[in-house]
Amino acid sequence: MHWISHLTLLAQVSAEDISIELARLQRNFQFLSYGFAAAWIVLTIYVLMIVGREGRLKREIANLKAMLEERQKK
């Protein structure tokens, strides 16, 4: 009985309805793709910022160690 109702519903769908639904799905997929691209761009920028900060901190630590060794020699 359940499949009969599906067939009845399918018989009521026109080709225009199907093309409209396909266009809607394609538009939604396009927005989804834009969202994923934006998320990856934001993530990449964030990771690059973290890597840059790590490099600056390593240089600062090395400078502080050098200053500490210089003070201990005096």
PDB file of N, CA and C in Angstrom:
ATOM      1  N   MET A   1       0.818  -1.190   0.000  1.00  0.00           N
ATOM      2  CA  MET A   1       0.000   0.000   0.000  1.00  0.00           C
ATOM      3  C   MET A   1       0.866   1.260   0.000  1.00  0.00           C
ATOM      4  N   HIS A   2       1.988   1.203   0.677  1.00  0.00           N
ATOM      5  CA  HIS A   2       2.862   2.362   0.803  1.00  0.00           C
ATOM      6  C   HIS A   2       3.462   2.759  -0.541  1.00  0.00           C
ATOM      7  N   TRP A   3       3.871   1.804  -1.328  1.00  0.00           N
ATOM      8  CA  TRP A   3       4.485   2.116  -2.625  1.00  0.00           C
ATOM      9  C   TRP A   3       3.478   2.668  -3.614  1.00  0.00           C
ATOM     10  N   ILE A   4       2.225   2.349  -3.444  1.00  0.00           N
ATOM     11  CA  ILE A   4       1.182   2.876  -4.330  1.00  0.00           C
ATOM     12  C   ILE A   4       1.048   4.387  -4.136  1.00  0.00           C
ATOM     13  N   SER A   5       1.123   4.841  -2.904  1.00  0.00           N
ATOM     14  CA  SER A   5       1.032   6.280  -2.652  1.00  0.00           C
ATOM     15  C   SER A   5       2.230   7.004  -3.249  1.00  0.00           C
ATOM     16  N   HIS A   6       3.405   6.370  -3.240  1.00  0.00           N
ATOM     17  CA  HIS A   6       4.588   6.968  -3.862  1.00  0.00           C
ATOM     18  C   HIS A   6       4.416   7.062  -5.373  1.00  0.00           C
ATOM     19  N   LEU A   7       3.858   6.042  -5.973  1.00  0.00           N
ATOM     20  CA  LEU A   7       3.623   6.075  -7.413  1.00  0.00           C
ATOM     21  C   LEU A   7       2.605   7.146  -7.790  1.00  0.00           C
ATOM     22  N   THR A   8       1.593   7.294  -6.993  1.00  0.00           N
ATOM     23  CA  THR A   8       0.586   8.327  -7.230  1.00  0.00           C
ATOM     24  C   THR A   8       1.206   9.709  -7.136  1.00  0.00           C
ATOM     25  N   LEU A   9       2.033   9.906  -6.140  1.00  0.00           N
ATOM     26  CA  LEU A   9       2.708  11.184  -5.972  1.00  0.00           C
ATOM     27  C   LEU A   9       3.664  11.439  -7.124  1.00  0.00           C
ATOM     28  N   LEU A  10       4.394  10.445  -7.541  1.00  0.00           N
ATOM     29  CA  LEU A  10       5.337  10.574  -8.649  1.00  0.00           C
ATOM     30  C   LEU A  10       4.625  10.910  -9.951  1.00  0.00           C
ATOM     31  N   ALA A  11       3.427  10.374 -10.146  1.00  0.00           N
ATOM     32  CA  ALA A  11       2.652  10.643 -11.356  1.00  0.00           C
ATOM     33  C   ALA A  11       2.181  12.092 -11.400  1.00  0.00           C
ATOM     34  N   GLN A  12       2.082  12.740 -10.262  1.00  0.00           N
ATOM     35  CA  GLN A  12       1.622  14.121 -10.204  1.00  0.00           C
ATOM     36  C   GLN A  12       2.731  15.130 -10.443  1.00  0.00           C
ATOM     37  N   VAL A  13       3.980  14.694 -10.454  1.00  0.00           N
ATOM     38  CA  VAL A  13       5.119  15.589 -10.617  1.00  0.00           C
ATOM     39  C   VAL A  13       5.366  15.814 -12.099  1.00  0.00           C
ATOM     40  N   SER A  14       5.503  17.085 -12.470  1.00  0.00           N
ATOM     41  CA  SER A  14       5.747  17.401 -13.881  1.00  0.00           C
ATOM     42  C   SER A  14       7.239  17.564 -14.135  1.00  0.00           C
ATOM     43  N   ALA A  15       7.608  17.614 -15.384  1.00  0.00           N
ATOM     44  CA  ALA A  15       9.008  17.805 -15.758  1.00  0.00           C
ATOM     45  C   ALA A  15       9.496  19.172 -15.298  1.00  0.00           C
ATOM     46  N   GLU A  16       8.585  20.151 -15.324  1.00  0.00           N
ATOM     47  CA  GLU A  16       8.957  21.500 -14.871  1.00  0.00           C
ATOM     48  C   GLU A  16       9.263  21.498 -13.377  1.00  0.00           C
ATOM     49  N   ASP A  17       8.476  20.751 -12.595  1.00  0.00           N
ATOM     50  CA  ASP A  17       8.742  20.645 -11.159  1.00  0.00           C
ATOM     51  C   ASP A  17      10.111  20.022 -10.899  1.00  0.00           C
ATOM     52  N   ILE A  18      10.427  19.020 -11.681  1.00  0.00           N
ATOM     53  CA  ILE A  18      11.726  18.355 -11.519  1.00  0.00           C
ATOM     54  C   ILE A  18      12.859  19.307 -11.873  1.00  0.00           C
ATOM     55  N   SER A  19      12.734  20.063 -12.952  1.00  0.00           N
ATOM     56  CA  SER A  19      13.796  20.992 -13.335  1.00  0.00           C
ATOM     57  C   SER A  19      13.939  22.112 -12.310  1.00  0.00           C
ATOM     58  N   ILE A  20      12.815  22.571 -11.731  1.00  0.00           N
ATOM     59  CA  ILE A  20      12.889  23.600 -10.687  1.00  0.00           C
ATOM     60  C   ILE A  20      13.604  23.050  -9.459  1.00  0.00           C
ATOM     61  N   GLU A  21      13.287  21.821  -9.087  1.00  0.00           N
ATOM     62  CA  GLU A  21      13.933  21.197  -7.922  1.00  0.00           C
ATOM     63  C   GLU A  21      15.425  20.987  -8.175  1.00  0.00           C
ATOM     64  N   LEU A  22      15.784  20.584  -9.381  1.00  0.00           N
ATOM     65  CA  LEU A  22      17.206  20.410  -9.707  1.00  0.00           C
ATOM     66  C   LEU A  22      17.950  21.735  -9.639  1.00  0.00           C
ATOM     67  N   ALA A  23      17.342  22.804 -10.131  1.00  0.00           N
ATOM     68  CA  ALA A  23      17.969  24.128 -10.070  1.00  0.00           C
ATOM     69  C   ALA A  23      18.163  24.559  -8.616  1.00  0.00           C
ATOM     70  N   ARG A  24      17.171  24.283  -7.781  1.00  0.00           N
ATOM     71  CA  ARG A  24      17.282  24.637  -6.361  1.00  0.00           C
ATOM     72  C   ARG A  24      18.402  23.859  -5.687  1.00  0.00           C
ATOM     73  N   LEU A  25      18.474  22.579  -6.000  1.00  0.00           N
ATOM     74  CA  LEU A  25      19.536  21.750  -5.419  1.00  0.00           C
ATOM     75  C   LEU A  25      20.915  22.199  -5.881  1.00  0.00           C
ATOM     76  N   GLN A  26      21.036  22.569  -7.151  1.00  0.00           N
ATOM     77  CA  GLN A  26      22.321  23.044  -7.666  1.00  0.00           C
ATOM     78  C   GLN A  26      22.722  24.350  -6.987  1.00  0.00           C
ATOM     79  N   ARG A  27      21.757  25.246  -6.780  1.00  0.00           N
ATOM     80  CA  ARG A  27      22.046  26.514  -6.110  1.00  0.00           C
ATOM     81  C   ARG A  27      22.484  26.256  -4.666  1.00  0.00           C
ATOM     82  N   ASN A  28      21.786  25.348  -3.985  1.00  0.00           N
ATOM     83  CA  ASN A  28      22.159  25.016  -2.615  1.00  0.00           C
ATOM     84  C   ASN A  28      23.551  24.397  -2.560  1.00  0.00           C
ATOM     85  N   PHE A  29      23.860  23.543  -3.525  1.00  0.00           N
ATOM     86  CA  PHE A  29      25.194  22.931  -3.566  1.00  0.00           C
ATOM     87  C   PHE A  29      26.258  23.993  -3.812  1.00  0.00           C
ATOM     88  N   GLN A  30      25.932  24.966  -4.643  1.00  0.00           N
ATOM     89  CA  GLN A  30      26.876  26.049  -4.912  1.00  0.00           C
ATOM     90  C   GLN A  30      27.155  26.838  -3.626  1.00  0.00           C
ATOM     91  N   PHE A  31      26.106  27.166  -2.875  1.00  0.00           N
ATOM     92  CA  PHE A  31      26.305  27.883  -1.614  1.00  0.00           C
ATOM     93  C   PHE A  31      27.076  27.035  -0.611  1.00  0.00           C
ATOM     94  N   LEU A  32      26.819  25.747  -0.585  1.00  0.00           N
ATOM     95  CA  LEU A  32      27.561  24.850   0.288  1.00  0.00           C
ATOM     96  C   LEU A  32      29.041  24.842  -0.081  1.00  0.00           C
ATOM     97  N   SER A  33      29.318  24.808  -1.373  1.00  0.00           N
ATOM     98  CA  SER A  33      30.709  24.838  -1.836  1.00  0.00           C
ATOM     99  C   SER A  33      31.386  26.142  -1.440  1.00  0.00           C
ATOM    100  N   TYR A  34      30.673  27.266  -1.581  1.00  0.00           N
ATOM    101  CA  TYR A  34      31.231  28.554  -1.155  1.00  0.00           C
ATOM    102  C   TYR A  34      31.516  28.547   0.346  1.00  0.00           C
ATOM    103  N   GLY A  35      30.621  27.958   1.104  1.00  0.00           N
ATOM    104  CA  GLY A  35      30.828  27.894   2.549  1.00  0.00           C
ATOM    105  C   GLY A  35      32.054  27.072   2.919  1.00  0.00           C
ATOM    106  N   PHE A  36      32.214  25.918   2.273  1.00  0.00           N
ATOM    107  CA  PHE A  36      33.400  25.095   2.534  1.00  0.00           C
ATOM    108  C   PHE A  36      34.677  25.821   2.120  1.00  0.00           C
ATOM    109  N   ALA A  37      34.644  26.502   0.977  1.00  0.00           N
ATOM    110  CA  ALA A  37      35.824  27.241   0.523  1.00  0.00           C
ATOM    111  C   ALA A  37      36.170  28.345   1.521  1.00  0.00           C
ATOM    112  N   ALA A  38      35.167  29.064   1.990  1.00  0.00           N
ATOM    113  CA  ALA A  38      35.413  30.126   2.965  1.00  0.00           C
ATOM    114  C   ALA A  38      35.979  29.555   4.266  1.00  0.00           C
ATOM    115  N   ALA A  39      35.450  28.431   4.706  1.00  0.00           N
ATOM    116  CA  ALA A  39      35.952  27.806   5.933  1.00  0.00           C
ATOM    117  C   ALA A  39      37.411  27.396   5.780  1.00  0.00           C
ATOM    118  N   TRP A  40      37.772  26.820   4.642  1.00  0.00           N
ATOM    119  CA  TRP A  40      39.162  26.423   4.411  1.00  0.00           C
ATOM    120  C   TRP A  40      40.081  27.639   4.329  1.00  0.00           C
ATOM    121  N   ILE A  41      39.612  28.714   3.720  1.00  0.00           N
ATOM    122  CA  ILE A  41      40.428  29.929   3.642  1.00  0.00           C
ATOM    123  C   ILE A  41      40.669  30.491   5.031  1.00  0.00           C
ATOM    124  N   VAL A  42      39.617  30.566   5.840  1.00  0.00           N
ATOM    125  CA  VAL A  42      39.757  31.070   7.211  1.00  0.00           C
ATOM    126  C   VAL A  42      40.696  30.172   8.005  1.00  0.00           C
ATOM    127  N   LEU A  43      40.546  28.862   7.887  1.00  0.00           N
ATOM    128  CA  LEU A  43      41.410  27.926   8.603  1.00  0.00           C
ATOM    129  C   LEU A  43      42.870  28.069   8.171  1.00  0.00           C
ATOM    130  N   THR A  44      43.100  28.225   6.873  1.00  0.00           N
ATOM    131  CA  THR A  44      44.465  28.389   6.363  1.00  0.00           C
ATOM    132  C   THR A  44      45.098  29.665   6.896  1.00  0.00           C
ATOM    133  N   ILE A  45      44.347  30.755   6.881  1.00  0.00           N
ATOM    134  CA  ILE A  45      44.865  32.024   7.402  1.00  0.00           C
ATOM    135  C   ILE A  45      45.180  31.890   8.886  1.00  0.00           C
ATOM    136  N   TYR A  46      44.301  31.243   9.631  1.00  0.00           N
ATOM    137  CA  TYR A  46      44.529  31.052  11.066  1.00  0.00           C
ATOM    138  C   TYR A  46      45.794  30.237  11.319  1.00  0.00           C
ATOM    139  N   VAL A  47      45.962  29.150  10.587  1.00  0.00           N
ATOM    140  CA  VAL A  47      47.158  28.313  10.777  1.00  0.00           C
ATOM    141  C   VAL A  47      48.422  29.096  10.423  1.00  0.00           C
ATOM    142  N   LEU A  48      48.383  29.874   9.351  1.00  0.00           N
ATOM    143  CA  LEU A  48      49.549  30.679   8.988  1.00  0.00           C
ATOM    144  C   LEU A  48      49.866  31.724  10.050  1.00  0.00           C
ATOM    145  N   MET A  49      48.836  32.304  10.650  1.00  0.00           N
ATOM    146  CA  MET A  49      49.056  33.263  11.735  1.00  0.00           C
ATOM    147  C   MET A  49      49.701  32.576  12.937  1.00  0.00           C
ATOM    148  N   ILE A  50      49.245  31.387  13.271  1.00  0.00           N
ATOM    149  CA  ILE A  50      49.812  30.643  14.410  1.00  0.00           C
ATOM    150  C   ILE A  50      51.274  30.289  14.140  1.00  0.00           C
ATOM    151  N   VAL A  51      51.562  29.869  12.904  1.00  0.00           N
ATOM    152  CA  VAL A  51      52.950  29.531  12.549  1.00  0.00           C
ATOM    153  C   VAL A  51      53.836  30.772  12.663  1.00  0.00           C
ATOM    154  N   GLY A  52      53.330  31.914  12.213  1.00  0.00           N
ATOM    155  CA  GLY A  52      54.089  33.159  12.325  1.00  0.00           C
ATOM    156  C   GLY A  52      54.355  33.535  13.772  1.00  0.00           C
ATOM    157  N   ARG A  53      53.343  33.399  14.617  1.00  0.00           N
ATOM    158  CA  ARG A  53      53.522  33.695  16.041  1.00  0.00           C
ATOM    159  C   ARG A  53      54.534  32.756  16.672  1.00  0.00           C
ATOM    160  N   GLU A  54      54.492  31.488  16.284  1.00  0.00           N
ATOM    161  CA  GLU A  54      55.448  30.520  16.827  1.00  0.00           C
ATOM    162  C   GLU A  54      56.874  30.923  16.470  1.00  0.00           C
ATOM    163  N   GLY A  55      57.076  31.345  15.231  1.00  0.00           N
ATOM    164  CA  GLY A  55      58.410  31.771  14.822  1.00  0.00           C
ATOM    165  C   GLY A  55      58.887  32.985  15.605  1.00  0.00           C
ATOM    166  N   ARG A  56      57.985  33.958  15.791  1.00  0.00           N
ATOM    167  CA  ARG A  56      58.361  35.148  16.578  1.00  0.00           C
ATOM    168  C   ARG A  56      58.674  34.780  18.016  1.00  0.00           C
ATOM    169  N   LEU A  57      57.882  33.882  18.605  1.00  0.00           N
ATOM    170  CA  LEU A  57      58.140  33.467  19.982  1.00  0.00           C
ATOM    171  C   LEU A  57      59.463  32.719  20.115  1.00  0.00           C
ATOM    172  N   LYS A  58      59.776  31.877  19.132  1.00  0.00           N
ATOM    173  CA  LYS A  58      61.059  31.159  19.173  1.00  0.00           C
ATOM    174  C   LYS A  58      62.225  32.136  19.110  1.00  0.00           C
ATOM    175  N   ARG A  59      62.106  33.165  18.239  1.00  0.00           N
ATOM    176  CA  ARG A  59      63.177  34.176  18.157  1.00  0.00           C
ATOM    177  C   ARG A  59      63.281  34.956  19.464  1.00  0.00           C
ATOM    178  N   GLU A  60      62.153  35.293  20.045  1.00  0.00           N
ATOM    179  CA  GLU A  60      62.163  36.041  21.302  1.00  0.00           C
ATOM    180  C   GLU A  60      62.771  35.202  22.426  1.00  0.00           C
ATOM    181  N   ILE A  61      62.443  33.933  22.471  1.00  0.00           N
ATOM    182  CA  ILE A  61      63.034  33.043  23.494  1.00  0.00           C
ATOM    183  C   ILE A  61      64.539  32.943  23.295  1.00  0.00           C
ATOM    184  N   ALA A  62      64.967  32.809  22.050  1.00  0.00           N
ATOM    185  CA  ALA A  62      66.409  32.729  21.781  1.00  0.00           C
ATOM    186  C   ALA A  62      67.094  34.024  22.211  1.00  0.00           C
ATOM    187  N   ASN A  63      66.479  35.168  21.937  1.00  0.00           N
ATOM    188  CA  ASN A  63      67.069  36.454  22.364  1.00  0.00           C
ATOM    189  C   ASN A  63      67.124  36.562  23.883  1.00  0.00           C
ATOM    190  N   LEU A  64      66.056  36.133  24.549  1.00  0.00           N
ATOM    191  CA  LEU A  64      66.047  36.188  26.012  1.00  0.00           C
ATOM    192  C   LEU A  64      67.095  35.260  26.613  1.00  0.00           C
ATOM    193  N   LYS A  65      67.282  34.072  26.021  1.00  0.00           N
ATOM    194  CA  LYS A  65      68.324  33.156  26.497  1.00  0.00           C
ATOM    195  C   LYS A  65      69.701  33.781  26.309  1.00  0.00           C
ATOM    196  N   ALA A  66      69.895  34.439  25.174  1.00  0.00           N
ATOM    197  CA  ALA A  66      71.189  35.092  24.930  1.00  0.00           C
ATOM    198  C   ALA A  66      71.418  36.211  25.938  1.00  0.00           C
ATOM    199  N   MET A  67      70.385  36.991  26.229  1.00  0.00           N
ATOM    200  CA  MET A  67      70.521  38.063  27.214  1.00  0.00           C
ATOM    201  C   MET A  67      70.814  37.493  28.598  1.00  0.00           C
ATOM    202  N   LEU A  68      70.162  36.390  28.951  1.00  0.00           N
ATOM    203  CA  LEU A  68      70.383  35.766  30.257  1.00  0.00           C
ATOM    204  C   LEU A  68      71.811  35.248  30.368  1.00  0.00           C
ATOM    205  N   GLU A  69      72.315  34.618  29.308  1.00  0.00           N
ATOM    206  CA  GLU A  69      73.691  34.117  29.330  1.00  0.00           C
ATOM    207  C   GLU A  69      74.680  35.267  29.423  1.00  0.00           C
ATOM    208  N   GLU A  70      74.375  36.389  28.767  1.00  0.00           N
ATOM    209  CA  GLU A  70      75.246  37.548  28.804  1.00  0.00           C
ATOM    210  C   GLU A  70      75.297  38.122  30.221  1.00  0.00           C
ATOM    211  N   ARG A  71      74.168  38.168  30.883  1.00  0.00           N
ATOM    212  CA  ARG A  71      74.116  38.695  32.262  1.00  0.00           C
ATOM    213  C   ARG A  71      74.845  37.773  33.233  1.00  0.00           C
ATOM    214  N   GLN A  72      74.734  36.485  33.000  1.00  0.00           N
ATOM    215  CA  GLN A  72      75.384  35.538  33.902  1.00  0.00           C
ATOM    216  C   GLN A  72      76.910  35.583  33.747  1.00  0.00           C
ATOM    217  N   LYS A  73      77.410  35.976  32.589  1.00  0.00           N
ATOM    218  CA  LYS A  73      78.849  36.067  32.358  1.00  0.00           C
ATOM    219  C   LYS A  73      79.454  37.275  33.073  1.00  0.00           C
ATOM    220  N   LYS A  74      78.681  38.292  33.332  1.00  0.00           N
ATOM    221  CA  LYS A  74      79.210  39.524  33.956  1.00  0.00           C
ATOM    222  C   LYS A  74      79.402  39.358  35.413  1.00  0.00           C
TER     223      LYS A  74
END
